Structure formats: C-alpha cells, structure tokens
Amino acid sequence: MFPDEIQKRALKTWYPEGQEIHHDKLHPLIALAGEAGELLNLYKKDRYKPGAVVDRWAYIDELGDCLYYLAILAYQYGLTLDQLSQLNREKLRDGKNGWFENAEGL
C-alpha cells in the first residue's frame, strides 16, 4: 500500500468532514506524542527490565500507530504523505543533514 492510500484509509476512520473536531490539530498531535511515548516505553522495557522480552512486532505495532496520527496531521496541514516525504527528501538532499544522493537519486 502506498503512503497516500494509507492516509486515505486513516481519514475514513477520523471524524467526518464537517465536524469541527475533524480539523482540530491538538487531538492527533497529543495522540502522536502518546504513541511515540509507547514506543519509547517498549525500548525502556526491552533495555532495562530484567527478563522482559519485547519482540519486533510490538515496535512495528506502535510505529503503525504513529503513522496513523502522522497521516492525520499531514492532512490537516494540507499535505499527502507522499508530499510530506518529498518535502523531507528535498530538505535532506543537500547533505547538510547527512543525506547525500548519488547520480541515480539514491
């Protein structure tokens, strides 16, 4: 599934267009921070809790939750996930942030 399709499906579960909360940025922003916190908590358990075993699927599940709320926020700022990815790539491509592209664009 492509990023824009992920975003379209996420929006089908979000508050319907026309409801004021549909464009409220605070809700998905808080939720994204919470999901990132859950991701960090998994790492804490995995790293520091003796005997705890956190499998990679637990991380993947939390990353998916982060992607959901990121998709909503991108929409609320008028961007598709593809556009957001392209803007980020353009920002990083100059190498100032350690991302150099070769002649093939990789």
PDB file of N, CA and C in Angstrom:
ATOM      1  N   MET A   1       0.857  -1.176   0.000  1.00  0.00           N
ATOM      2  CA  MET A   1       0.000   0.000   0.000  1.00  0.00           C
ATOM      3  C   MET A   1       0.903   1.239   0.000  1.00  0.00           C
ATOM      4  N   PHE A   2       0.550   2.206  -0.822  1.00  0.00           N
ATOM      5  CA  PHE A   2       1.323   3.432  -0.927  1.00  0.00           C
ATOM      6  C   PHE A   2       0.936   4.405   0.184  1.00  0.00           C
ATOM      7  N   PRO A   3       1.859   5.326   0.556  1.00  0.00           N
ATOM      8  CA  PRO A   3       1.569   6.259   1.652  1.00  0.00           C
ATOM      9  C   PRO A   3       0.255   7.019   1.515  1.00  0.00           C
ATOM     10  N   ASP A   4      -0.057   7.511   0.314  1.00  0.00           N
ATOM     11  CA  ASP A   4      -1.298   8.266   0.176  1.00  0.00           C
ATOM     12  C   ASP A   4      -2.532   7.394   0.410  1.00  0.00           C
ATOM     13  N   GLU A   5      -2.445   6.124   0.055  1.00  0.00           N
ATOM     14  CA  GLU A   5      -3.557   5.198   0.297  1.00  0.00           C
ATOM     15  C   GLU A   5      -3.713   4.942   1.802  1.00  0.00           C
ATOM     16  N   ILE A   6      -2.597   4.845   2.500  1.00  0.00           N
ATOM     17  CA  ILE A   6      -2.633   4.706   3.962  1.00  0.00           C
ATOM     18  C   ILE A   6      -3.345   5.909   4.570  1.00  0.00           C
ATOM     19  N   GLN A   7      -2.996   7.093   4.079  1.00  0.00           N
ATOM     20  CA  GLN A   7      -3.603   8.308   4.597  1.00  0.00           C
ATOM     21  C   GLN A   7      -5.105   8.340   4.313  1.00  0.00           C
ATOM     22  N   LYS A   8      -5.507   7.971   3.115  1.00  0.00           N
ATOM     23  CA  LYS A   8      -6.933   7.955   2.771  1.00  0.00           C
ATOM     24  C   LYS A   8      -7.702   7.005   3.684  1.00  0.00           C
ATOM     25  N   ARG A   9      -7.134   5.856   3.957  1.00  0.00           N
ATOM     26  CA  ARG A   9      -7.816   4.898   4.838  1.00  0.00           C
ATOM     27  C   ARG A   9      -7.869   5.397   6.270  1.00  0.00           C
ATOM     28  N   ALA A  10      -6.810   6.051   6.728  1.00  0.00           N
ATOM     29  CA  ALA A  10      -6.812   6.623   8.078  1.00  0.00           C
ATOM     30  C   ALA A  10      -7.915   7.667   8.199  1.00  0.00           C
ATOM     31  N   LEU A  11      -8.053   8.481   7.169  1.00  0.00           N
ATOM     32  CA  LEU A  11      -9.058   9.541   7.209  1.00  0.00           C
ATOM     33  C   LEU A  11     -10.485   8.990   7.228  1.00  0.00           C
ATOM     34  N   LYS A  12     -10.681   7.783   6.705  1.00  0.00           N
ATOM     35  CA  LYS A  12     -12.021   7.176   6.757  1.00  0.00           C
ATOM     36  C   LYS A  12     -12.431   6.848   8.192  1.00  0.00           C
ATOM     37  N   THR A  13     -11.454   6.706   9.081  1.00  0.00           N
ATOM     38  CA  THR A  13     -11.758   6.401  10.479  1.00  0.00           C
ATOM     39  C   THR A  13     -11.725   7.647  11.355  1.00  0.00           C
ATOM     40  N   TRP A  14     -11.302   8.765  10.790  1.00  0.00           N
ATOM     41  CA  TRP A  14     -11.213  10.015  11.534  1.00  0.00           C
ATOM     42  C   TRP A  14     -12.595  10.650  11.593  1.00  0.00           C
ATOM     43  N   TYR A  15     -12.733  11.710  12.343  1.00  0.00           N
ATOM     44  CA  TYR A  15     -14.012  12.400  12.457  1.00  0.00           C
ATOM     45  C   TYR A  15     -14.468  12.872  11.074  1.00  0.00           C
ATOM     46  N   PRO A  16     -15.731  12.725  10.757  1.00  0.00           N
ATOM     47  CA  PRO A  16     -16.217  13.098   9.414  1.00  0.00           C
ATOM     48  C   PRO A  16     -15.991  14.569   9.093  1.00  0.00           C
ATOM     49  N   GLU A  17     -15.733  14.821   7.822  1.00  0.00           N
ATOM     50  CA  GLU A  17     -15.642  16.198   7.329  1.00  0.00           C
ATOM     51  C   GLU A  17     -16.929  16.911   7.736  1.00  0.00           C
ATOM     52  N   GLY A  18     -16.800  18.147   8.140  1.00  0.00           N
ATOM     53  CA  GLY A  18     -17.958  18.915   8.583  1.00  0.00           C
ATOM     54  C   GLY A  18     -18.045  19.010  10.099  1.00  0.00           C
ATOM     55  N   GLN A  19     -17.444  18.055  10.797  1.00  0.00           N
ATOM     56  CA  GLN A  19     -17.390  18.162  12.252  1.00  0.00           C
ATOM     57  C   GLN A  19     -16.189  19.031  12.611  1.00  0.00           C
ATOM     58  N   GLU A  20     -16.389  19.936  13.538  1.00  0.00           N
ATOM     59  CA  GLU A  20     -15.334  20.878  13.913  1.00  0.00           C
ATOM     60  C   GLU A  20     -14.049  20.151  14.324  1.00  0.00           C
ATOM     61  N   ILE A  21     -14.184  19.060  15.033  1.00  0.00           N
ATOM     62  CA  ILE A  21     -13.017  18.329  15.534  1.00  0.00           C
ATOM     63  C   ILE A  21     -12.210  17.677  14.395  1.00  0.00           C
ATOM     64  N   HIS A  22     -12.806  17.564  13.207  1.00  0.00           N
ATOM     65  CA  HIS A  22     -12.121  16.987  12.042  1.00  0.00           C
ATOM     66  C   HIS A  22     -10.807  17.714  11.755  1.00  0.00           C
ATOM     67  N   HIS A  23     -10.765  19.015  11.996  1.00  0.00           N
ATOM     68  CA  HIS A  23      -9.571  19.816  11.708  1.00  0.00           C
ATOM     69  C   HIS A  23      -8.825  20.247  12.967  1.00  0.00           C
ATOM     70  N   ASP A  24      -9.216  19.736  14.124  1.00  0.00           N
ATOM     71  CA  ASP A  24      -8.536  20.070  15.381  1.00  0.00           C
ATOM     72  C   ASP A  24      -7.175  19.374  15.399  1.00  0.00           C
ATOM     73  N   LYS A  25      -6.105  20.146  15.367  1.00  0.00           N
ATOM     74  CA  LYS A  25      -4.759  19.579  15.306  1.00  0.00           C
ATOM     75  C   LYS A  25      -4.263  19.063  16.661  1.00  0.00           C
ATOM     76  N   LEU A  26      -4.849  19.540  17.733  1.00  0.00           N
ATOM     77  CA  LEU A  26      -4.361  19.138  19.051  1.00  0.00           C
ATOM     78  C   LEU A  26      -4.589  17.654  19.320  1.00  0.00           C
ATOM     79  N   HIS A  27      -5.739  17.143  18.929  1.00  0.00           N
ATOM     80  CA  HIS A  27      -6.046  15.730  19.186  1.00  0.00           C
ATOM     81  C   HIS A  27      -5.012  14.794  18.557  1.00  0.00           C
ATOM     82  N   PRO A  28      -4.760  14.848  17.243  1.00  0.00           N
ATOM     83  CA  PRO A  28      -3.778  13.939  16.682  1.00  0.00           C
ATOM     84  C   PRO A  28      -2.350  14.239  17.141  1.00  0.00           C
ATOM     85  N   LEU A  29      -2.067  15.486  17.478  1.00  0.00           N
ATOM     86  CA  LEU A  29      -0.736  15.826  17.966  1.00  0.00           C
ATOM     87  C   LEU A  29      -0.468  15.176  19.317  1.00  0.00           C
ATOM     88  N   ILE A  30      -1.440  15.260  20.214  1.00  0.00           N
ATOM     89  CA  ILE A  30      -1.311  14.604  21.521  1.00  0.00           C
ATOM     90  C   ILE A  30      -1.231  13.094  21.341  1.00  0.00           C
ATOM     91  N   ALA A  31      -2.057  12.561  20.453  1.00  0.00           N
ATOM     92  CA  ALA A  31      -2.054  11.117  20.212  1.00  0.00           C
ATOM     93  C   ALA A  31      -0.718  10.647  19.644  1.00  0.00           C
ATOM     94  N   LEU A  32      -0.136  11.418  18.726  1.00  0.00           N
ATOM     95  CA  LEU A  32       1.165  11.066  18.159  1.00  0.00           C
ATOM     96  C   LEU A  32       2.239  11.060  19.242  1.00  0.00           C
ATOM     97  N   ALA A  33       2.211  12.054  20.103  1.00  0.00           N
ATOM     98  CA  ALA A  33       3.167  12.095  21.213  1.00  0.00           C
ATOM     99  C   ALA A  33       2.978  10.898  22.140  1.00  0.00           C
ATOM    100  N   GLY A  34       1.725  10.525  22.386  1.00  0.00           N
ATOM    101  CA  GLY A  34       1.445   9.365  23.228  1.00  0.00           C
ATOM    102  C   GLY A  34       1.957   8.079  22.609  1.00  0.00           C
ATOM    103  N   GLU A  35       1.746   7.922  21.311  1.00  0.00           N
ATOM    104  CA  GLU A  35       2.218   6.711  20.630  1.00  0.00           C
ATOM    105  C   GLU A  35       3.738   6.656  20.602  1.00  0.00           C
ATOM    106  N   ALA A  36       4.381   7.812  20.410  1.00  0.00           N
ATOM    107  CA  ALA A  36       5.848   7.859  20.455  1.00  0.00           C
ATOM    108  C   ALA A  36       6.331   7.489  21.860  1.00  0.00           C
ATOM    109  N   GLY A  37       5.578   7.923  22.866  1.00  0.00           N
ATOM    110  CA  GLY A  37       5.909   7.551  24.246  1.00  0.00           C
ATOM    111  C   GLY A  37       5.775   6.051  24.471  1.00  0.00           C
ATOM    112  N   GLU A  38       4.750   5.449  23.877  1.00  0.00           N
ATOM    113  CA  GLU A  38       4.582   3.998  23.995  1.00  0.00           C
ATOM    114  C   GLU A  38       5.740   3.266  23.321  1.00  0.00           C
ATOM    115  N   LEU A  39       6.189   3.792  22.208  1.00  0.00           N
ATOM    116  CA  LEU A  39       7.333   3.217  21.506  1.00  0.00           C
ATOM    117  C   LEU A  39       8.581   3.300  22.388  1.00  0.00           C
ATOM    118  N   LEU A  40       8.788   4.441  22.993  1.00  0.00           N
ATOM    119  CA  LEU A  40       9.929   4.621  23.887  1.00  0.00           C
ATOM    120  C   LEU A  40       9.817   3.721  25.111  1.00  0.00           C
ATOM    121  N   ASN A  41       8.615   3.544  25.625  1.00  0.00           N
ATOM    122  CA  ASN A  41       8.412   2.674  26.776  1.00  0.00           C
ATOM    123  C   ASN A  41       8.755   1.221  26.444  1.00  0.00           C
ATOM    124  N   LEU A  42       8.438   0.790  25.228  1.00  0.00           N
ATOM    125  CA  LEU A  42       8.836  -0.557  24.801  1.00  0.00           C
ATOM    126  C   LEU A  42      10.348  -0.712  24.855  1.00  0.00           C
ATOM    127  N   TYR A  43      11.049   0.297  24.348  1.00  0.00           N
ATOM    128  CA  TYR A  43      12.504   0.244  24.355  1.00  0.00           C
ATOM    129  C   TYR A  43      13.032   0.199  25.784  1.00  0.00           C
ATOM    130  N   LYS A  44      12.422   1.004  26.654  1.00  0.00           N
ATOM    131  CA  LYS A  44      12.834   1.017  28.066  1.00  0.00           C
ATOM    132  C   LYS A  44      12.695  -0.367  28.668  1.00  0.00           C
ATOM    133  N   LYS A  45      11.555  -1.014  28.456  1.00  0.00           N
ATOM    134  CA  LYS A  45      11.342  -2.360  28.984  1.00  0.00           C
ATOM    135  C   LYS A  45      12.342  -3.344  28.403  1.00  0.00           C
ATOM    136  N   ASP A  46      12.530  -3.259  27.098  1.00  0.00           N
ATOM    137  CA  ASP A  46      13.436  -4.162  26.398  1.00  0.00           C
ATOM    138  C   ASP A  46      14.865  -3.996  26.898  1.00  0.00           C
ATOM    139  N   ARG A  47      15.266  -2.779  27.155  1.00  0.00           N
ATOM    140  CA  ARG A  47      16.653  -2.474  27.511  1.00  0.00           C
ATOM    141  C   ARG A  47      16.932  -2.611  28.995  1.00  0.00           C
ATOM    142  N   TYR A  48      15.999  -2.210  29.840  1.00  0.00           N
ATOM    143  CA  TYR A  48      16.306  -2.056  31.263  1.00  0.00           C
ATOM    144  C   TYR A  48      15.535  -2.960  32.213  1.00  0.00           C
ATOM    145  N   LYS A  49      14.506  -3.656  31.749  1.00  0.00           N
ATOM    146  CA  LYS A  49      13.743  -4.511  32.652  1.00  0.00           C
ATOM    147  C   LYS A  49      14.255  -5.942  32.516  1.00  0.00           C
ATOM    148  N   PRO A  50      14.883  -6.445  33.574  1.00  0.00           N
ATOM    149  CA  PRO A  50      15.422  -7.810  33.502  1.00  0.00           C
ATOM    150  C   PRO A  50      14.336  -8.828  33.159  1.00  0.00           C
ATOM    151  N   GLY A  51      14.630  -9.665  32.212  1.00  0.00           N
ATOM    152  CA  GLY A  51      13.713 -10.721  31.818  1.00  0.00           C
ATOM    153  C   GLY A  51      12.644 -10.311  30.821  1.00  0.00           C
ATOM    154  N   ALA A  52      12.487  -9.027  30.596  1.00  0.00           N
ATOM    155  CA  ALA A  52      11.475  -8.566  29.639  1.00  0.00           C
ATOM    156  C   ALA A  52      11.942  -8.858  28.220  1.00  0.00           C
ATOM    157  N   VAL A  53      11.023  -9.333  27.429  1.00  0.00           N
ATOM    158  CA  VAL A  53      11.317  -9.589  26.020  1.00  0.00           C
ATOM    159  C   VAL A  53      10.270  -8.847  25.192  1.00  0.00           C
ATOM    160  N   VAL A  54      10.733  -7.910  24.404  1.00  0.00           N
ATOM    161  CA  VAL A  54       9.843  -7.151  23.529  1.00  0.00           C
ATOM    162  C   VAL A  54      10.209  -7.530  22.100  1.00  0.00           C
ATOM    163  N   ASP A  55       9.275  -8.148  21.412  1.00  0.00           N
ATOM    164  CA  ASP A  55       9.590  -8.573  20.042  1.00  0.00           C
ATOM    165  C   ASP A  55       9.423  -7.425  19.060  1.00  0.00           C
ATOM    166  N   ARG A  56       9.961  -7.597  17.896  1.00  0.00           N
ATOM    167  CA  ARG A  56       9.957  -6.538  16.890  1.00  0.00           C
ATOM    168  C   ARG A  56       8.543  -6.167  16.468  1.00  0.00           C
ATOM    169  N   TRP A  57       7.587  -7.088  16.579  1.00  0.00           N
ATOM    170  CA  TRP A  57       6.208  -6.783  16.184  1.00  0.00           C
ATOM    171  C   TRP A  57       5.547  -5.782  17.117  1.00  0.00           C
ATOM    172  N   ALA A  58       5.977  -5.758  18.365  1.00  0.00           N
ATOM    173  CA  ALA A  58       5.459  -4.746  19.289  1.00  0.00           C
ATOM    174  C   ALA A  58       5.909  -3.354  18.833  1.00  0.00           C
ATOM    175  N   TYR A  59       7.161  -3.253  18.402  1.00  0.00           N
ATOM    176  CA  TYR A  59       7.661  -1.985  17.867  1.00  0.00           C
ATOM    177  C   TYR A  59       6.916  -1.605  16.584  1.00  0.00           C
ATOM    178  N   ILE A  60       6.726  -2.569  15.713  1.00  0.00           N
ATOM    179  CA  ILE A  60       6.043  -2.321  14.447  1.00  0.00           C
ATOM    180  C   ILE A  60       4.621  -1.839  14.687  1.00  0.00           C
ATOM    181  N   ASP A  61       3.942  -2.434  15.666  1.00  0.00           N
ATOM    182  CA  ASP A  61       2.582  -2.021  16.000  1.00  0.00           C
ATOM    183  C   ASP A  61       2.543  -0.558  16.427  1.00  0.00           C
ATOM    184  N   GLU A  62       3.466  -0.163  17.288  1.00  0.00           N
ATOM    185  CA  GLU A  62       3.497   1.232  17.752  1.00  0.00           C
ATOM    186  C   GLU A  62       3.901   2.178  16.628  1.00  0.00           C
ATOM    187  N   LEU A  63       4.817   1.754  15.754  1.00  0.00           N
ATOM    188  CA  LEU A  63       5.188   2.584  14.608  1.00  0.00           C
ATOM    189  C   LEU A  63       3.982   2.805  13.692  1.00  0.00           C
ATOM    190  N   GLY A  64       3.173   1.771  13.521  1.00  0.00           N
ATOM    191  CA  GLY A  64       1.955   1.907  12.725  1.00  0.00           C
ATOM    192  C   GLY A  64       0.994   2.905  13.328  1.00  0.00           C
ATOM    193  N   ASP A  65       0.874   2.886  14.661  1.00  0.00           N
ATOM    194  CA  ASP A  65       0.014   3.860  15.330  1.00  0.00           C
ATOM    195  C   ASP A  65       0.537   5.280  15.114  1.00  0.00           C
ATOM    196  N   CYS A  66       1.866   5.444  15.177  1.00  0.00           N
ATOM    197  CA  CYS A  66       2.468   6.759  14.908  1.00  0.00           C
ATOM    198  C   CYS A  66       2.161   7.201  13.482  1.00  0.00           C
ATOM    199  N   LEU A  67       2.264   6.270  12.538  1.00  0.00           N
ATOM    200  CA  LEU A  67       1.984   6.590  11.135  1.00  0.00           C
ATOM    201  C   LEU A  67       0.540   7.052  10.956  1.00  0.00           C
ATOM    202  N   TYR A  68      -0.382   6.422  11.656  1.00  0.00           N
ATOM    203  CA  TYR A  68      -1.791   6.802  11.569  1.00  0.00           C
ATOM    204  C   TYR A  68      -1.971   8.276  11.944  1.00  0.00           C
ATOM    205  N   TYR A  69      -1.454   8.669  13.098  1.00  0.00           N
ATOM    206  CA  TYR A  69      -1.640  10.041  13.549  1.00  0.00           C
ATOM    207  C   TYR A  69      -0.817  11.029  12.720  1.00  0.00           C
ATOM    208  N   LEU A  70       0.325  10.601  12.212  1.00  0.00           N
ATOM    209  CA  LEU A  70       1.098  11.441  11.310  1.00  0.00           C
ATOM    210  C   LEU A  70       0.312  11.698  10.023  1.00  0.00           C
ATOM    211  N   ALA A  71      -0.364  10.679   9.538  1.00  0.00           N
ATOM    212  CA  ALA A  71      -1.193  10.826   8.331  1.00  0.00           C
ATOM    213  C   ALA A  71      -2.298  11.844   8.555  1.00  0.00           C
ATOM    214  N   ILE A  72      -2.914  11.816   9.715  1.00  0.00           N
ATOM    215  CA  ILE A  72      -3.985  12.764  10.034  1.00  0.00           C
ATOM    216  C   ILE A  72      -3.426  14.187  10.108  1.00  0.00           C
ATOM    217  N   LEU A  73      -2.305  14.348  10.804  1.00  0.00           N
ATOM    218  CA  LEU A  73      -1.705  15.678  10.924  1.00  0.00           C
ATOM    219  C   LEU A  73      -1.270  16.232   9.571  1.00  0.00           C
ATOM    220  N   ALA A  74      -0.670  15.399   8.750  1.00  0.00           N
ATOM    221  CA  ALA A  74      -0.253  15.849   7.421  1.00  0.00           C
ATOM    222  C   ALA A  74      -1.462  16.355   6.647  1.00  0.00           C
ATOM    223  N   TYR A  75      -2.547  15.600   6.692  1.00  0.00           N
ATOM    224  CA  TYR A  75      -3.794  16.018   6.028  1.00  0.00           C
ATOM    225  C   TYR A  75      -4.254  17.373   6.558  1.00  0.00           C
ATOM    226  N   GLN A  76      -4.224  17.527   7.866  1.00  0.00           N
ATOM    227  CA  GLN A  76      -4.703  18.767   8.465  1.00  0.00           C
ATOM    228  C   GLN A  76      -3.845  19.970   8.070  1.00  0.00           C
ATOM    229  N   TYR A  77      -2.598  19.710   7.698  1.00  0.00           N
ATOM    230  CA  TYR A  77      -1.726  20.779   7.204  1.00  0.00           C
ATOM    231  C   TYR A  77      -1.726  20.849   5.680  1.00  0.00           C
ATOM    232  N   GLY A  78      -2.651  20.136   5.044  1.00  0.00           N
ATOM    233  CA  GLY A  78      -2.826  20.226   3.611  1.00  0.00           C
ATOM    234  C   GLY A  78      -1.842  19.424   2.781  1.00  0.00           C
ATOM    235  N   LEU A  79      -1.279  18.364   3.371  1.00  0.00           N
ATOM    236  CA  LEU A  79      -0.287  17.549   2.672  1.00  0.00           C
ATOM    237  C   LEU A  79      -0.701  16.094   2.609  1.00  0.00           C
ATOM    238  N   THR A  80      -0.343  15.452   1.512  1.00  0.00           N
ATOM    239  CA  THR A  80      -0.435  13.994   1.482  1.00  0.00           C
ATOM    240  C   THR A  80       0.856  13.454   2.091  1.00  0.00           C
ATOM    241  N   LEU A  81       0.857  12.179   2.442  1.00  0.00           N
ATOM    242  CA  LEU A  81       2.085  11.583   2.960  1.00  0.00           C
ATOM    243  C   LEU A  81       3.182  11.558   1.902  1.00  0.00           C
ATOM    244  N   ASP A  82       2.799  11.375   0.642  1.00  0.00           N
ATOM    245  CA  ASP A  82       3.793  11.436  -0.446  1.00  0.00           C
ATOM    246  C   ASP A  82       4.428  12.827  -0.517  1.00  0.00           C
ATOM    247  N   GLN A  83       3.617  13.858  -0.426  1.00  0.00           N
ATOM    248  CA  GLN A  83       4.149  15.223  -0.459  1.00  0.00           C
ATOM    249  C   GLN A  83       5.067  15.479   0.733  1.00  0.00           C
ATOM    250  N   LEU A  84       4.642  15.028   1.898  1.00  0.00           N
ATOM    251  CA  LEU A  84       5.464  15.201   3.097  1.00  0.00           C
ATOM    252  C   LEU A  84       6.809  14.488   2.940  1.00  0.00           C
ATOM    253  N   SER A  85       6.773  13.277   2.390  1.00  0.00           N
ATOM    254  CA  SER A  85       8.012  12.531   2.156  1.00  0.00           C
ATOM    255  C   SER A  85       8.922  13.268   1.182  1.00  0.00           C
ATOM    256  N   GLN A  86       8.347  13.811   0.117  1.00  0.00           N
ATOM    257  CA  GLN A  86       9.133  14.537  -0.878  1.00  0.00           C
ATOM    258  C   GLN A  86       9.739  15.800  -0.287  1.00  0.00           C
ATOM    259  N   LEU A  87       8.970  16.540   0.495  1.00  0.00           N
ATOM    260  CA  LEU A  87       9.498  17.741   1.141  1.00  0.00           C
ATOM    261  C   LEU A  87      10.650  17.395   2.084  1.00  0.00           C
ATOM    262  N   ASN A  88      10.516  16.298   2.807  1.00  0.00           N
ATOM    263  CA  ASN A  88      11.580  15.887   3.715  1.00  0.00           C
ATOM    264  C   ASN A  88      12.825  15.478   2.935  1.00  0.00           C
ATOM    265  N   ARG A  89      12.619  14.776   1.833  1.00  0.00           N
ATOM    266  CA  ARG A  89      13.743  14.364   0.986  1.00  0.00           C
ATOM    267  C   ARG A  89      14.470  15.594   0.441  1.00  0.00           C
ATOM    268  N   GLU A  90      13.717  16.582  -0.013  1.00  0.00           N
ATOM    269  CA  GLU A  90      14.326  17.817  -0.525  1.00  0.00           C
ATOM    270  C   GLU A  90      15.110  18.542   0.566  1.00  0.00           C
ATOM    271  N   LYS A  91      14.583  18.538   1.765  1.00  0.00           N
ATOM    272  CA  LYS A  91      15.263  19.192   2.878  1.00  0.00           C
ATOM    273  C   LYS A  91      16.599  18.512   3.178  1.00  0.00           C
ATOM    274  N   LEU A  92      16.614  17.194   3.086  1.00  0.00           N
ATOM    275  CA  LEU A  92      17.806  16.439   3.467  1.00  0.00           C
ATOM    276  C   LEU A  92      18.799  16.225   2.330  1.00  0.00           C
ATOM    277  N   ARG A  93      18.385  16.427   1.098  1.00  0.00           N
ATOM    278  CA  ARG A  93      19.212  16.048  -0.052  1.00  0.00           C
ATOM    279  C   ARG A  93      20.506  16.844  -0.173  1.00  0.00           C
ATOM    280  N   ASP A  94      20.590  18.035   0.390  1.00  0.00           N
ATOM    281  CA  ASP A  94      21.804  18.840   0.226  1.00  0.00           C
ATOM    282  C   ASP A  94      22.987  18.306   1.023  1.00  0.00           C
ATOM    283  N   GLY A  95      22.756  17.319   1.857  1.00  0.00           N
ATOM    284  CA  GLY A  95      23.840  16.706   2.608  1.00  0.00           C
ATOM    285  C   GLY A  95      24.157  17.374   3.932  1.00  0.00           C
ATOM    286  N   LYS A  96      23.551  18.526   4.215  1.00  0.00           N
ATOM    287  CA  LYS A  96      23.813  19.200   5.492  1.00  0.00           C
ATOM    288  C   LYS A  96      23.378  18.337   6.669  1.00  0.00           C
ATOM    289  N   ASN A  97      22.399  17.505   6.426  1.00  0.00           N
ATOM    290  CA  ASN A  97      21.887  16.629   7.482  1.00  0.00           C
ATOM    291  C   ASN A  97      22.329  15.182   7.287  1.00  0.00           C
ATOM    292  N   GLY A  98      23.352  14.975   6.469  1.00  0.00           N
ATOM    293  CA  GLY A  98      23.922  13.658   6.317  1.00  0.00           C
ATOM    294  C   GLY A  98      23.288  12.774   5.273  1.00  0.00           C
ATOM    295  N   TRP A  99      22.456  13.308   4.384  1.00  0.00           N
ATOM    296  CA  TRP A  99      21.775  12.501   3.372  1.00  0.00           C
ATOM    297  C   TRP A  99      22.241  12.982   2.017  1.00  0.00           C
ATOM    298  N   PHE A 100      23.222  12.292   1.456  1.00  0.00           N
ATOM    299  CA  PHE A 100      23.717  12.633   0.121  1.00  0.00           C
ATOM    300  C   PHE A 100      23.094  11.689  -0.880  1.00  0.00           C
ATOM    301  N   GLU A 101      22.647  12.222  -1.987  1.00  0.00           N
ATOM    302  CA  GLU A 101      22.108  11.384  -3.045  1.00  0.00           C
ATOM    303  C   GLU A 101      23.144  11.224  -4.144  1.00  0.00           C
ATOM    304  N   ASN A 102      23.204  10.012  -4.691  1.00  0.00           N
ATOM    305  CA  ASN A 102      24.111   9.783  -5.820  1.00  0.00           C
ATOM    306  C   ASN A 102      23.424  10.180  -7.121  1.00  0.00           C
ATOM    307  N   ALA A 103      24.067   9.956  -8.215  1.00  0.00           N
ATOM    308  CA  ALA A 103      23.552  10.364  -9.515  1.00  0.00           C
ATOM    309  C   ALA A 103      22.218   9.710  -9.844  1.00  0.00           C
ATOM    310  N   GLU A 104      21.964   8.524  -9.306  1.00  0.00           N
ATOM    311  CA  GLU A 104      20.707   7.829  -9.553  1.00  0.00           C
ATOM    312  C   GLU A 104      19.587   8.286  -8.623  1.00  0.00           C
ATOM    313  N   GLY A 105      19.877   9.238  -7.745  1.00  0.00           N
ATOM    314  CA  GLY A 105      18.860   9.738  -6.815  1.00  0.00           C
ATOM    315  C   GLY A 105      18.684   8.869  -5.585  1.00  0.00           C
ATOM    316  N   LEU A 106      19.628   7.963  -5.350  1.00  0.00           N
ATOM    317  CA  LEU A 106      19.536   7.084  -4.178  1.00  0.00           C
ATOM    318  C   LEU A 106      20.480   7.527  -3.082  1.00  0.00           C
TER     319      LEU A 106
END
